[in-house]
Amino acid sequence: MSFKKEAAILATLKHPNIIQLFCCTTDANSCSLAMELMSTDVRKLMDERMPDPDYVAFYLPVAFYIMLQVAMGLMNMHERQVGHWDIKSSNLLVKPTSVPELAEVGYVDVKLVDFQFAKVKLMSSRGTNQSIDNLGRTPYRAPELYTQEEEEIAKENYPLKADVYSYEITCAEILTGHSISIY
């Protein structure tokens, strides 16, 4: 069920900063999504670029460019009333930019990926097995989603603003190169 939902949402999203779906297939034994090819994700790229904790993974202009691309993809989703629900550095796929001069200094093209938790905001989630426990990952989940009162609201209509919180945490990771911990 999650596979078909992810494919349906991806099929409606067309933006340079959202992974492009070419086709999907299902049969009794398997399901497949064919998407554009990317090199790695932001988390792995940061880990590769940081040989020691004092090193910065991205020059500041590159970090801002990455964050801008994520914001543009997320803005496009929100304009369509679609929440991602799982913004984090490992759900941002990258490949070297096609401009050779920029690729040499570390610029990358970024695409949002992994829409298994994505949901059209105005649709009800009743009848599904979604719960607040599997919506996004700590520390990326917005704090207001931890309270009991907000939990019931989130099950019904996960706020798009919660994606913005996750985006902010992801930006902190991009700027520092370190995984963020709230403990």
C-alpha atoms as a PDB file:
ATOM      1  CA  MET A   1       0.000   0.000   0.000  1.00  0.00           C
ATOM      2  CA  SER A   2       2.791   2.459   0.898  1.00  0.00           C
ATOM      3  CA  PHE A   3       4.496   1.770  -2.441  1.00  0.00           C
ATOM      4  CA  LYS A   4       1.421   2.696  -4.479  1.00  0.00           C
ATOM      5  CA  LYS A   5       0.868   5.837  -2.403  1.00  0.00           C
ATOM      6  CA  GLU A   6       4.496   6.930  -2.855  1.00  0.00           C
ATOM      7  CA  ALA A   7       4.303   6.334  -6.612  1.00  0.00           C
ATOM      8  CA  ALA A   8       1.008   8.245  -6.891  1.00  0.00           C
ATOM      9  CA  ILE A   9       2.409  11.255  -5.043  1.00  0.00           C
ATOM     10  CA  LEU A  10       5.680  11.213  -7.004  1.00  0.00           C
ATOM     11  CA  ALA A  11       3.771  11.061 -10.292  1.00  0.00           C
ATOM     12  CA  THR A  12       2.065  14.375  -9.477  1.00  0.00           C
ATOM     13  CA  LEU A  13       5.231  16.231  -8.433  1.00  0.00           C
ATOM     14  CA  LYS A  14       7.294  17.793 -11.212  1.00  0.00           C
ATOM     15  CA  HIS A  15      10.088  20.062 -10.047  1.00  0.00           C
ATOM     16  CA  PRO A  16      13.867  20.272 -10.650  1.00  0.00           C
ATOM     17  CA  ASN A  17      14.497  19.606  -6.938  1.00  0.00           C
ATOM     18  CA  ILE A  18      12.191  16.610  -6.552  1.00  0.00           C
ATOM     19  CA  ILE A  19      13.300  13.201  -7.804  1.00  0.00           C
ATOM     20  CA  GLN A  20      11.713  12.403 -11.141  1.00  0.00           C
ATOM     21  CA  LEU A  21       9.650   9.241 -11.458  1.00  0.00           C
ATOM     22  CA  PHE A  22       9.898   7.612 -14.878  1.00  0.00           C
ATOM     23  CA  CYS A  23       7.615   4.631 -14.302  1.00  0.00           C
ATOM     24  CA  CYS A  24       6.404   2.157 -11.721  1.00  0.00           C
ATOM     25  CA  THR A  25       5.392  -1.476 -11.954  1.00  0.00           C
ATOM     26  CA  THR A  26       3.700  -3.886  -9.607  1.00  0.00           C
ATOM     27  CA  ASP A  27       2.866  -7.551  -9.794  1.00  0.00           C
ATOM     28  CA  ALA A  28       2.030 -10.243  -7.273  1.00  0.00           C
ATOM     29  CA  ASN A  29       5.658 -10.655  -6.137  1.00  0.00           C
ATOM     30  CA  SER A  30       7.366  -7.305  -6.575  1.00  0.00           C
ATOM     31  CA  CYS A  31       7.098  -3.581  -7.081  1.00  0.00           C
ATOM     32  CA  SER A  32       9.557  -1.210  -8.726  1.00  0.00           C
ATOM     33  CA  LEU A  33      10.018   2.506  -9.189  1.00  0.00           C
ATOM     34  CA  ALA A  34      12.279   3.788 -11.969  1.00  0.00           C
ATOM     35  CA  MET A  35      13.650   7.204 -11.005  1.00  0.00           C
ATOM     36  CA  GLU A  36      16.434   9.463 -12.186  1.00  0.00           C
ATOM     37  CA  LEU A  37      19.941   8.426 -11.222  1.00  0.00           C
ATOM     38  CA  MET A  38      21.700  10.334  -8.459  1.00  0.00           C
ATOM     39  CA  SER A  39      25.181   9.800  -6.961  1.00  0.00           C
ATOM     40  CA  THR A  40      24.655   9.741  -3.204  1.00  0.00           C
ATOM     41  CA  ASP A  41      22.787  11.517  -0.416  1.00  0.00           C
ATOM     42  CA  VAL A  42      23.760  14.651   1.509  1.00  0.00           C
ATOM     43  CA  ARG A  43      24.507  12.736   4.744  1.00  0.00           C
ATOM     44  CA  LYS A  44      26.951  10.362   3.006  1.00  0.00           C
ATOM     45  CA  LEU A  45      28.518  13.233   1.063  1.00  0.00           C
ATOM     46  CA  MET A  46      29.134  15.142   4.303  1.00  0.00           C
ATOM     47  CA  ASP A  47      30.677  12.067   5.906  1.00  0.00           C
ATOM     48  CA  GLU A  48      32.980  11.597   2.891  1.00  0.00           C
ATOM     49  CA  ARG A  49      34.043  15.254   2.895  1.00  0.00           C
ATOM     50  CA  MET A  50      34.811  15.467   6.618  1.00  0.00           C
ATOM     51  CA  PRO A  51      38.034  13.586   7.379  1.00  0.00           C
ATOM     52  CA  ASP A  52      38.044  15.021  10.914  1.00  0.00           C
ATOM     53  CA  PRO A  53      35.481  16.803  13.123  1.00  0.00           C
ATOM     54  CA  ASP A  54      37.114  20.234  12.655  1.00  0.00           C
ATOM     55  CA  TYR A  55      36.670  20.157   8.888  1.00  0.00           C
ATOM     56  CA  VAL A  56      33.610  21.712   7.197  1.00  0.00           C
ATOM     57  CA  ALA A  57      31.848  19.577   4.574  1.00  0.00           C
ATOM     58  CA  PHE A  58      30.741  22.460   2.316  1.00  0.00           C
ATOM     59  CA  TYR A  59      31.987  25.947   1.574  1.00  0.00           C
ATOM     60  CA  LEU A  60      29.333  28.398   2.740  1.00  0.00           C
ATOM     61  CA  PRO A  61      28.073  29.284  -0.787  1.00  0.00           C
ATOM     62  CA  VAL A  62      27.734  25.557  -1.583  1.00  0.00           C
ATOM     63  CA  ALA A  63      25.862  24.929   1.675  1.00  0.00           C
ATOM     64  CA  PHE A  64      23.481  27.818   0.910  1.00  0.00           C
ATOM     65  CA  TYR A  65      22.933  26.499  -2.610  1.00  0.00           C
ATOM     66  CA  ILE A  66      22.044  23.053  -1.239  1.00  0.00           C
ATOM     67  CA  MET A  67      19.641  24.551   1.306  1.00  0.00           C
ATOM     68  CA  LEU A  68      18.053  26.766  -1.367  1.00  0.00           C
ATOM     69  CA  GLN A  69      17.388  23.761  -3.617  1.00  0.00           C
ATOM     70  CA  VAL A  70      15.763  21.851  -0.758  1.00  0.00           C
ATOM     71  CA  ALA A  71      13.631  24.880   0.097  1.00  0.00           C
ATOM     72  CA  MET A  72      12.492  25.253  -3.518  1.00  0.00           C
ATOM     73  CA  GLY A  73      11.491  21.583  -3.764  1.00  0.00           C
ATOM     74  CA  LEU A  74       9.693  21.736  -0.426  1.00  0.00           C
ATOM     75  CA  MET A  75       7.945  24.971  -1.377  1.00  0.00           C
ATOM     76  CA  ASN A  76       6.666  23.341  -4.563  1.00  0.00           C
ATOM     77  CA  MET A  77       5.271  20.432  -2.544  1.00  0.00           C
ATOM     78  CA  HIS A  78       3.603  22.732  -0.028  1.00  0.00           C
ATOM     79  CA  GLU A  79       2.039  24.843  -2.797  1.00  0.00           C
ATOM     80  CA  ARG A  80       0.351  21.603  -3.875  1.00  0.00           C
ATOM     81  CA  GLN A  81      -0.662  20.894  -0.248  1.00  0.00           C
ATOM     82  CA  VAL A  82       1.662  17.866  -0.054  1.00  0.00           C
ATOM     83  CA  GLY A  83       3.746  17.370   3.064  1.00  0.00           C
ATOM     84  CA  HIS A  84       6.932  15.282   2.868  1.00  0.00           C
ATOM     85  CA  TRP A  85       6.930  14.213   6.555  1.00  0.00           C
ATOM     86  CA  ASP A  86      10.511  12.954   6.511  1.00  0.00           C
ATOM     87  CA  ILE A  87      12.902  15.766   5.543  1.00  0.00           C
ATOM     88  CA  LYS A  88      16.431  14.805   6.582  1.00  0.00           C
ATOM     89  CA  SER A  89      19.902  14.816   5.055  1.00  0.00           C
ATOM     90  CA  SER A  90      19.724  11.171   3.989  1.00  0.00           C
ATOM     91  CA  ASN A  91      16.528  11.915   2.003  1.00  0.00           C
ATOM     92  CA  LEU A  92      18.293  14.530  -0.120  1.00  0.00           C
ATOM     93  CA  LEU A  93      19.950  12.896  -3.097  1.00  0.00           C
ATOM     94  CA  VAL A  94      22.780  14.687  -4.890  1.00  0.00           C
ATOM     95  CA  LYS A  95      24.897  14.524  -8.004  1.00  0.00           C
ATOM     96  CA  PRO A  96      27.629  16.873  -9.229  1.00  0.00           C
ATOM     97  CA  THR A  97      26.184  19.899 -10.969  1.00  0.00           C
ATOM     98  CA  SER A  98      26.409  19.929 -14.760  1.00  0.00           C
ATOM     99  CA  VAL A  99      28.427  23.173 -14.753  1.00  0.00           C
ATOM    100  CA  PRO A 100      32.060  21.941 -14.662  1.00  0.00           C
ATOM    101  CA  GLU A 101      33.468  25.055 -12.963  1.00  0.00           C
ATOM    102  CA  LEU A 102      30.947  24.756 -10.149  1.00  0.00           C
ATOM    103  CA  ALA A 103      31.297  20.978  -9.840  1.00  0.00           C
ATOM    104  CA  GLU A 104      35.052  21.429  -9.296  1.00  0.00           C
ATOM    105  CA  VAL A 105      34.426  23.470  -6.145  1.00  0.00           C
ATOM    106  CA  GLY A 106      31.803  21.108  -4.720  1.00  0.00           C
ATOM    107  CA  TYR A 107      28.451  22.343  -6.032  1.00  0.00           C
ATOM    108  CA  VAL A 108      25.808  19.635  -6.357  1.00  0.00           C
ATOM    109  CA  ASP A 109      22.276  19.322  -7.676  1.00  0.00           C
ATOM    110  CA  VAL A 110      19.838  18.252  -4.934  1.00  0.00           C
ATOM    111  CA  LYS A 111      16.581  16.268  -5.184  1.00  0.00           C
ATOM    112  CA  LEU A 112      14.052  15.437  -2.461  1.00  0.00           C
ATOM    113  CA  VAL A 113      13.385  11.700  -2.279  1.00  0.00           C
ATOM    114  CA  ASP A 114      11.608   9.082  -0.149  1.00  0.00           C
ATOM    115  CA  PHE A 115       7.944   9.962  -0.176  1.00  0.00           C
ATOM    116  CA  GLN A 116       6.701   6.949   1.791  1.00  0.00           C
ATOM    117  CA  PHE A 117       5.349   9.235   4.527  1.00  0.00           C
ATOM    118  CA  ALA A 118       4.241  12.033   2.186  1.00  0.00           C
ATOM    119  CA  LYS A 119       0.594  12.920   2.324  1.00  0.00           C
ATOM    120  CA  VAL A 120      -1.780  15.300   0.663  1.00  0.00           C
ATOM    121  CA  LYS A 121      -2.696  17.647   3.492  1.00  0.00           C
ATOM    122  CA  LEU A 122      -6.442  17.681   2.986  1.00  0.00           C
ATOM    123  CA  MET A 123      -6.835  13.898   2.778  1.00  0.00           C
ATOM    124  CA  SER A 124      -7.810  12.018   5.894  1.00  0.00           C
ATOM    125  CA  SER A 125      -5.433   9.363   7.145  1.00  0.00           C
ATOM    126  CA  ARG A 126      -8.225   7.261   8.678  1.00  0.00           C
ATOM    127  CA  GLY A 127      -8.116   3.634   7.754  1.00  0.00           C
ATOM    128  CA  THR A 128      -4.332   3.582   7.344  1.00  0.00           C
ATOM    129  CA  ASN A 129      -1.690   2.266   9.664  1.00  0.00           C
ATOM    130  CA  GLN A 130       0.075   5.631   9.887  1.00  0.00           C
ATOM    131  CA  SER A 131       0.778   6.772  13.418  1.00  0.00           C
ATOM    132  CA  ILE A 132       2.674   9.668  14.909  1.00  0.00           C
ATOM    133  CA  ASP A 133       5.426   7.223  15.888  1.00  0.00           C
ATOM    134  CA  ASN A 134       6.431   6.608  12.283  1.00  0.00           C
ATOM    135  CA  LEU A 135       6.034  10.141  10.939  1.00  0.00           C
ATOM    136  CA  GLY A 136       9.519  11.533  10.506  1.00  0.00           C
ATOM    137  CA  ARG A 137      12.512  10.672  12.608  1.00  0.00           C
ATOM    138  CA  THR A 138      13.822  12.126  15.841  1.00  0.00           C
ATOM    139  CA  PRO A 139      15.480  14.724  15.986  1.00  0.00           C
ATOM    140  CA  TYR A 140      13.843  15.874  12.762  1.00  0.00           C
ATOM    141  CA  ARG A 141      10.270  15.769  14.080  1.00  0.00           C
ATOM    142  CA  ALA A 142       8.776  19.088  15.185  1.00  0.00           C
ATOM    143  CA  PRO A 143       8.426  19.345  19.004  1.00  0.00           C
ATOM    144  CA  GLU A 144       4.710  20.178  18.896  1.00  0.00           C
ATOM    145  CA  LEU A 145       4.059  16.726  17.479  1.00  0.00           C
ATOM    146  CA  TYR A 146       5.157  15.090  20.737  1.00  0.00           C
ATOM    147  CA  THR A 147       2.263  16.298  22.866  1.00  0.00           C
ATOM    148  CA  GLN A 148      -0.819  14.152  23.211  1.00  0.00           C
ATOM    149  CA  GLU A 149      -3.186  16.884  22.033  1.00  0.00           C
ATOM    150  CA  GLU A 150      -1.114  17.666  18.952  1.00  0.00           C
ATOM    151  CA  GLU A 151      -0.633  13.951  18.314  1.00  0.00           C
ATOM    152  CA  GLU A 152      -4.326  13.518  17.561  1.00  0.00           C
ATOM    153  CA  ILE A 153      -4.265  16.536  15.245  1.00  0.00           C
ATOM    154  CA  ALA A 154      -1.172  15.218  13.486  1.00  0.00           C
ATOM    155  CA  LYS A 155      -2.769  11.831  12.815  1.00  0.00           C
ATOM    156  CA  GLU A 156      -5.644  13.598  11.107  1.00  0.00           C
ATOM    157  CA  ASN A 157      -3.795  16.356   9.254  1.00  0.00           C
ATOM    158  CA  TYR A 158      -0.007  16.518   9.666  1.00  0.00           C
ATOM    159  CA  PRO A 159       0.845  20.224   9.501  1.00  0.00           C
ATOM    160  CA  LEU A 160       3.010  21.402   6.624  1.00  0.00           C
ATOM    161  CA  LYS A 161       4.835  23.614   9.116  1.00  0.00           C
ATOM    162  CA  ALA A 162       6.358  20.495  10.655  1.00  0.00           C
ATOM    163  CA  ASP A 163       8.284  20.003   7.380  1.00  0.00           C
ATOM    164  CA  VAL A 164       9.766  23.459   7.913  1.00  0.00           C
ATOM    165  CA  TYR A 165      11.078  22.408  11.327  1.00  0.00           C
ATOM    166  CA  SER A 166      12.661  19.298   9.789  1.00  0.00           C
ATOM    167  CA  TYR A 167      14.149  21.491   7.061  1.00  0.00           C
ATOM    168  CA  GLU A 168      15.713  23.761   9.706  1.00  0.00           C
ATOM    169  CA  ILE A 169      17.327  20.818  11.484  1.00  0.00           C
ATOM    170  CA  THR A 170      18.628  19.551   8.141  1.00  0.00           C
ATOM    171  CA  CYS A 171      20.063  23.015   7.380  1.00  0.00           C
ATOM    172  CA  ALA A 172      21.927  22.944  10.700  1.00  0.00           C
ATOM    173  CA  GLU A 173      23.430  19.597   9.663  1.00  0.00           C
ATOM    174  CA  ILE A 174      24.455  20.975   6.264  1.00  0.00           C
ATOM    175  CA  LEU A 175      26.083  24.040   7.832  1.00  0.00           C
ATOM    176  CA  THR A 176      27.967  22.101  10.505  1.00  0.00           C
ATOM    177  CA  GLY A 177      28.464  18.769   8.763  1.00  0.00           C
ATOM    178  CA  HIS A 178      27.430  16.971  11.944  1.00  0.00           C
ATOM    179  CA  SER A 179      24.341  14.956  12.789  1.00  0.00           C
ATOM    180  CA  ILE A 180      22.085  16.933  15.082  1.00  0.00           C
ATOM    181  CA  SER A 181      21.195  15.476  18.447  1.00  0.00           C
ATOM    182  CA  ILE A 182      18.515  16.872  20.740  1.00  0.00           C
ATOM    183  CA  TYR A 183      19.428  14.724  23.715  1.00  0.00           C
END
